[in-house]
Every structure is written in structure tokens, then in C-alpha cells.
C-alpha atoms as a PDB file:
ATOM      1  CA  UNK A   1     162.928 127.274  73.618  1.00  0.00           C
ATOM      2  CA  UNK A   2     162.170 123.651  72.973  1.00  0.00           C
ATOM      3  CA  UNK A   3     165.742 122.498  73.544  1.00  0.00           C
ATOM      4  CA  UNK A   4     165.957 124.568  76.764  1.00  0.00           C
ATOM      5  CA  UNK A   5     162.734 122.946  78.050  1.00  0.00           C
ATOM      6  CA  UNK A   6     164.036 119.510  77.043  1.00  0.00           C
ATOM      7  CA  UNK A   7     167.258 120.172  78.939  1.00  0.00           C
ATOM      8  CA  UNK A   8     165.309 121.281  82.028  1.00  0.00           C
ATOM      9  CA  UNK A   9     163.083 118.209  81.858  1.00  0.00           C
ATOM     10  CA  UNK A  10     166.099 115.953  81.411  1.00  0.00           C
ATOM     11  CA  UNK A  11     167.827 117.605  84.398  1.00  0.00           C
ATOM     12  CA  UNK A  12     164.705 117.186  86.586  1.00  0.00           C
ATOM     13  CA  UNK A  13     164.468 113.514  85.618  1.00  0.00           C
ATOM     14  CA  UNK A  14     168.145 113.056  86.449  1.00  0.00           C
ATOM     15  CA  UNK A  15     167.599 114.715  89.851  1.00  0.00           C
ATOM     16  CA  UNK A  16     164.601 112.477  90.535  1.00  0.00           C
ATOM     17  CA  UNK A  17     166.534 109.339  89.587  1.00  0.00           C
ATOM     18  CA  UNK A  18     169.466 110.427  91.760  1.00  0.00           C
ATOM     19  CA  UNK A  19     167.175 111.118  94.711  1.00  0.00           C
ATOM     20  CA  UNK A  20     165.456 107.748  94.291  1.00  0.00           C
ATOM     21  CA  UNK A  21     168.852 106.059  94.159  1.00  0.00           C
ATOM     22  CA  UNK A  22     169.903 107.687  97.437  1.00  0.00           C
ATOM     23  CA  UNK A  23     166.617 106.696  99.109  1.00  0.00           C
ATOM     24  CA  UNK A  24     167.005 103.091  97.935  1.00  0.00           C
ATOM     25  CA  UNK A  25     170.624 102.992  99.083  1.00  0.00           C
ATOM     26  CA  UNK A  26     169.753 104.298 102.549  1.00  0.00           C
ATOM     27  CA  UNK A  27     166.801 101.919 102.899  1.00  0.00           C
ATOM     28  CA  UNK A  28     168.858  98.998 101.622  1.00  0.00           C
ATOM     29  CA  UNK A  29     171.460  99.581 104.331  1.00  0.00           C
ATOM     30  CA  UNK A  30     168.910 100.007 107.118  1.00  0.00           C
ATOM     31  CA  UNK A  31     168.855  96.251 107.812  1.00  0.00           C
ATOM     32  CA  UNK A  32     172.637  95.818 107.837  1.00  0.00           C
ATOM     33  CA  UNK A  33     173.496  97.202 111.256  1.00  0.00           C
ATOM     34  CA  UNK A  34     172.220  99.254 114.190  1.00  0.00           C
ATOM     35  CA  UNK A  35     172.444 102.997 114.764  1.00  0.00           C
ATOM     36  CA  UNK A  36     171.694 105.305 117.686  1.00  0.00           C
ATOM     37  CA  UNK A  37     167.973 105.147 116.912  1.00  0.00           C
ATOM     38  CA  UNK A  38     168.040 101.552 118.209  1.00  0.00           C
ATOM     39  CA  UNK A  39     168.606 102.757 121.790  1.00  0.00           C
ATOM     40  CA  UNK A  40     165.443 101.988 123.781  1.00  0.00           C
ATOM     41  CA  UNK A  41     163.995  99.575 121.196  1.00  0.00           C
ATOM     42  CA  UNK A  42     162.934  96.132 122.351  1.00  0.00           C
ATOM     43  CA  UNK A  43     164.390  92.779 121.317  1.00  0.00           C
ATOM     44  CA  UNK A  44     161.524  92.035 118.901  1.00  0.00           C
ATOM     45  CA  UNK A  45     161.969  95.410 117.185  1.00  0.00           C
ATOM     46  CA  UNK A  46     165.692  94.780 116.765  1.00  0.00           C
ATOM     47  CA  UNK A  47     165.056  91.357 115.245  1.00  0.00           C
ATOM     48  CA  UNK A  48     162.357  92.795 112.968  1.00  0.00           C
ATOM     49  CA  UNK A  49     164.869  95.387 111.698  1.00  0.00           C
ATOM     50  CA  UNK A  50     168.047  93.269 111.524  1.00  0.00           C
ATOM     51  CA  UNK A  51     166.834  89.683 111.339  1.00  0.00           C
ATOM     52  CA  UNK A  52     167.781  86.847 113.665  1.00  0.00           C
ATOM     53  CA  UNK A  53     171.056  87.412 115.539  1.00  0.00           C
ATOM     54  CA  UNK A  54     174.041  85.199 114.727  1.00  0.00           C
ATOM     55  CA  UNK A  55     174.603  84.778 118.444  1.00  0.00           C
ATOM     56  CA  UNK A  56     172.898  85.517 121.741  1.00  0.00           C
ATOM     57  CA  UNK A  57     174.248  85.148 125.243  1.00  0.00           C
ATOM     58  CA  UNK A  58     173.562  86.347 128.775  1.00  0.00           C
ATOM     59  CA  UNK A  59     175.940  88.996 130.150  1.00  0.00           C
ATOM     60  CA  UNK A  60     176.095  90.861 133.471  1.00  0.00           C
ATOM     61  CA  UNK A  61     174.160  93.823 132.001  1.00  0.00           C
ATOM     62  CA  UNK A  62     171.400  91.619 130.533  1.00  0.00           C
ATOM     63  CA  UNK A  63     171.648  89.998 127.079  1.00  0.00           C
ATOM     64  CA  UNK A  64     174.058  90.438 124.189  1.00  0.00           C
ATOM     65  CA  UNK A  65     172.835  90.019 120.614  1.00  0.00           C
ATOM     66  CA  UNK A  66     175.568  89.410 118.054  1.00  0.00           C
ATOM     67  CA  UNK A  67     175.145  90.354 114.404  1.00  0.00           C
ATOM     68  CA  UNK A  68     178.133  89.074 112.432  1.00  0.00           C
ATOM     69  CA  UNK A  69     177.923  90.258 108.842  1.00  0.00           C
ATOM     70  CA  UNK A  70     180.445  87.698 107.540  1.00  0.00           C
ATOM     71  CA  UNK A  71     181.873  85.949 105.731  1.00  0.00           C
ATOM     72  CA  UNK A  72     182.306  88.864 103.326  1.00  0.00           C
ATOM     73  CA  UNK A  73     180.844  91.618 105.498  1.00  0.00           C
ATOM     74  CA  UNK A  74     183.361  93.685 107.421  1.00  0.00           C
ATOM     75  CA  UNK A  75     181.352  94.328 110.577  1.00  0.00           C
ATOM     76  CA  UNK A  76     180.148  92.472 113.649  1.00  0.00           C
ATOM     77  CA  UNK A  77     177.733  94.319 115.907  1.00  0.00           C
ATOM     78  CA  UNK A  78     177.145  93.635 119.595  1.00  0.00           C
ATOM     79  CA  UNK A  79     173.802  94.969 120.835  1.00  0.00           C
ATOM     80  CA  UNK A  80     173.351  95.061 124.613  1.00  0.00           C
ATOM     81  CA  UNK A  81     169.851  94.619 126.002  1.00  0.00           C
ATOM     82  CA  UNK A  82     169.109  95.468 129.640  1.00  0.00           C
ATOM     83  CA  UNK A  83     167.279  92.913 131.858  1.00  0.00           C
ATOM     84  CA  UNK A  84     163.930  94.295 130.637  1.00  0.00           C
ATOM     85  CA  UNK A  85     164.965  93.638 127.016  1.00  0.00           C
ATOM     86  CA  UNK A  86     165.600  97.186 125.762  1.00  0.00           C
ATOM     87  CA  UNK A  87     168.681  98.272 123.806  1.00  0.00           C
ATOM     88  CA  UNK A  88     171.083 100.242 125.983  1.00  0.00           C
ATOM     89  CA  UNK A  89     174.182 100.083 123.792  1.00  0.00           C
ATOM     90  CA  UNK A  90     175.496  98.879 120.447  1.00  0.00           C
ATOM     91  CA  UNK A  91     179.009  98.676 119.034  1.00  0.00           C
ATOM     92  CA  UNK A  92     180.882  97.472 115.976  1.00  0.00           C
ATOM     93  CA  UNK A  93     183.535  95.145 117.419  1.00  0.00           C
ATOM     94  CA  UNK A  94     185.792  94.314 114.452  1.00  0.00           C
ATOM     95  CA  UNK A  95     188.329  97.024 115.257  1.00  0.00           C
ATOM     96  CA  UNK A  96     192.095  97.120 115.610  1.00  0.00           C
ATOM     97  CA  UNK A  97     191.574  98.161 119.247  1.00  0.00           C
ATOM     98  CA  UNK A  98     189.703  94.901 119.935  1.00  0.00           C
ATOM     99  CA  UNK A  99     192.166  92.828 117.881  1.00  0.00           C
ATOM    100  CA  UNK A 100     194.913  94.109 120.211  1.00  0.00           C
ATOM    101  CA  UNK A 101     193.075  92.384 123.109  1.00  0.00           C
ATOM    102  CA  UNK A 102     193.466  88.960 121.457  1.00  0.00           C
ATOM    103  CA  UNK A 103     196.436  87.142 123.044  1.00  0.00           C
ATOM    104  CA  UNK A 104     198.031  83.669 122.793  1.00  0.00           C
ATOM    105  CA  UNK A 105     196.510  81.219 125.255  1.00  0.00           C
ATOM    106  CA  UNK A 106     192.979  82.659 125.097  1.00  0.00           C
ATOM    107  CA  UNK A 107     190.066  80.303 124.422  1.00  0.00           C
ATOM    108  CA  UNK A 108     187.594  80.423 121.536  1.00  0.00           C
ATOM    109  CA  UNK A 109     184.887  81.613 123.947  1.00  0.00           C
ATOM    110  CA  UNK A 110     187.089  84.499 125.071  1.00  0.00           C
ATOM    111  CA  UNK A 111     187.616  85.513 121.435  1.00  0.00           C
ATOM    112  CA  UNK A 112     183.876  85.321 120.730  1.00  0.00           C
ATOM    113  CA  UNK A 113     183.203  87.584 123.728  1.00  0.00           C
ATOM    114  CA  UNK A 114     185.536  90.240 122.251  1.00  0.00           C
ATOM    115  CA  UNK A 115     184.996  90.102 118.459  1.00  0.00           C
ATOM    116  CA  UNK A 116     182.274  87.524 117.867  1.00  0.00           C
ATOM    117  CA  UNK A 117     182.156  84.407 115.717  1.00  0.00           C
ATOM    118  CA  UNK A 118     184.125  83.935 112.533  1.00  0.00           C
ATOM    119  CA  UNK A 119     182.372  82.609 109.465  1.00  0.00           C
ATOM    120  CA  UNK A 120     185.643  81.927 107.691  1.00  0.00           C
ATOM    121  CA  UNK A 121     187.126  78.886 109.479  1.00  0.00           C
ATOM    122  CA  UNK A 122     189.878  76.736 107.961  1.00  0.00           C
ATOM    123  CA  UNK A 123     191.199  73.522 109.469  1.00  0.00           C
ATOM    124  CA  UNK A 124     194.956  72.999 109.720  1.00  0.00           C
ATOM    125  CA  UNK A 125     196.705  69.915 108.328  1.00  0.00           C
ATOM    126  CA  UNK A 126     197.231  66.894 110.573  1.00  0.00           C
ATOM    127  CA  UNK A 127     194.436  68.125 112.847  1.00  0.00           C
ATOM    128  CA  UNK A 128     196.739  70.732 114.397  1.00  0.00           C
ATOM    129  CA  UNK A 129     193.845  73.142 114.971  1.00  0.00           C
ATOM    130  CA  UNK A 130     192.115  75.779 112.889  1.00  0.00           C
ATOM    131  CA  UNK A 131     192.346  79.367 111.704  1.00  0.00           C
ATOM    132  CA  UNK A 132     189.553  81.913 112.119  1.00  0.00           C
ATOM    133  CA  UNK A 133     189.602  84.850 109.701  1.00  0.00           C
ATOM    134  CA  UNK A 134     187.780  88.158 110.022  1.00  0.00           C
ATOM    135  CA  UNK A 135     187.394  90.716 107.264  1.00  0.00           C
ATOM    136  CA  UNK A 136     187.143  94.224 108.674  1.00  0.00           C
ATOM    137  CA  UNK A 137     186.910  97.831 107.489  1.00  0.00           C
ATOM    138  CA  UNK A 138     190.421  98.887 106.484  1.00  0.00           C
ATOM    139  CA  UNK A 139     191.858 100.646 103.433  1.00  0.00           C
ATOM    140  CA  UNK A 140     194.258  97.724 102.955  1.00  0.00           C
ATOM    141  CA  UNK A 141     193.563  94.292 101.536  1.00  0.00           C
ATOM    142  CA  UNK A 142     194.095  92.412 104.812  1.00  0.00           C
ATOM    143  CA  UNK A 143     192.072  90.464 107.312  1.00  0.00           C
ATOM    144  CA  UNK A 144     192.630  89.494 110.924  1.00  0.00           C
ATOM    145  CA  UNK A 145     193.413  85.827 111.572  1.00  0.00           C
ATOM    146  CA  UNK A 146     193.581  83.736 114.721  1.00  0.00           C
ATOM    147  CA  UNK A 147     195.277  80.341 114.799  1.00  0.00           C
ATOM    148  CA  UNK A 148     193.929  77.933 117.411  1.00  0.00           C
ATOM    149  CA  UNK A 149     195.598  74.768 118.668  1.00  0.00           C
ATOM    150  CA  UNK A 150     193.666  71.503 118.522  1.00  0.00           C
ATOM    151  CA  UNK A 151     192.873  72.109 122.220  1.00  0.00           C
ATOM    152  CA  UNK A 152     191.096  75.345 121.268  1.00  0.00           C
ATOM    153  CA  UNK A 153     193.522  77.979 122.582  1.00  0.00           C
ATOM    154  CA  UNK A 154     195.218  80.707 120.564  1.00  0.00           C
ATOM    155  CA  UNK A 155     198.636  79.808 119.174  1.00  0.00           C
ATOM    156  CA  UNK A 156     199.067  83.065 117.218  1.00  0.00           C
ATOM    157  CA  UNK A 157     197.070  85.982 115.809  1.00  0.00           C
ATOM    158  CA  UNK A 158     197.657  88.848 113.403  1.00  0.00           C
ATOM    159  CA  UNK A 159     196.980  90.270 109.976  1.00  0.00           C
ATOM    160  CA  UNK A 160     196.971  88.150 106.847  1.00  0.00           C
ATOM    161  CA  UNK A 161     196.069  88.448 103.188  1.00  0.00           C
ATOM    162  CA  UNK A 162     192.646  87.183 102.103  1.00  0.00           C
ATOM    163  CA  UNK A 163     192.522  84.977  98.988  1.00  0.00           C
ATOM    164  CA  UNK A 164     190.905  87.656  96.824  1.00  0.00           C
ATOM    165  CA  UNK A 165     194.018  89.836  97.301  1.00  0.00           C
ATOM    166  CA  UNK A 166     196.546  87.149  96.448  1.00  0.00           C
ATOM    167  CA  UNK A 167     197.345  88.218  92.891  1.00  0.00           C
ATOM    168  CA  UNK A 168     199.573  85.920  90.911  1.00  0.00           C
ATOM    169  CA  UNK A 169     202.262  88.154  89.408  1.00  0.00           C
ATOM    170  CA  UNK A 170     203.664  85.440  87.117  1.00  0.00           C
ATOM    171  CA  UNK A 171     203.366  86.242  83.368  1.00  0.00           C
END
């Protein structure tokens, strides 16, 4: 009987630890990005839950708060506030659908309005411009990169391999 009771106690402790782990995981992620419960919340509530936005700009519908979770995060959230300051919409913008909207000749501001700021910016040699890189949720080890001319317009854009995936295969 003693070993059966010990096994039951051990199993209950394991369940409790597992449940606590799930609670901590859920609470730890609560400040990472918005969810549908944000709809109707005010600007101050959003900032209290997510911290200061990485960008904020006026738009036709009111105000857009940008939450870029870079350089190693794979999400950028746009939260739309109506003119009164309440959340009416949120979206995760680092998607292949939005990357398809990025075209040569676009300005940096146009890119920011579609997919937000990049926190991984690399200058090109001889001051030829710069490359913005965006990690995003994909099963492959790739990121999306945009090459800008020194005048600030897109020269090219597409998928690339981030440095952490560049494995040297030499013996």
C-alpha cells in the first residue's frame, strides 16, 4: 500500500508541476502580442499589456500602433485604434501574403506601412544602400530580405538564409 500511495502522490505532484508550467507559459506569452480580447481596449491598456510600441503613426482609421518583436522575434503586430483610442483591429503582418506586396521601386516608408520596421539592418559596401531582414514564422530556416538603394528605394526583395542557418559543411 505504501508504494501505491507514493506513486499516487508522485503522480499528483507531477500533474501540479505540469499545470503550473502551462500557467507560467501562458502568462509569459501574454505580453508578446495581442489577441481578440484586445478589441475595445484603450491605448493605455494596450501599452500596459504589451509595453511601448516600436512605432506609432496616424492612419485614416485613427492610429496604428506597431509592435515589432525583432530582431529574433518572428512577428510584427499592427494594432489599429479608432479616433477615440479604442482597439478595432489587430494583425500579424510578417506574412508571405504581405511580402508579395513588396515591389522594386517602393520607398522605405511604403515598406514600413506594410510590414513594419526591421531591426536587422545591414549596410552595403561602397555606400550602395542597405538590406533589411525580417525573421518570420516558417518551417524553413529563411528570412525575408529587402535591398534598398542609397536613395532609399527597393532594388530587390526575396528570401534569404539567416546567419544562424549558414552551416559550414567543410570537415
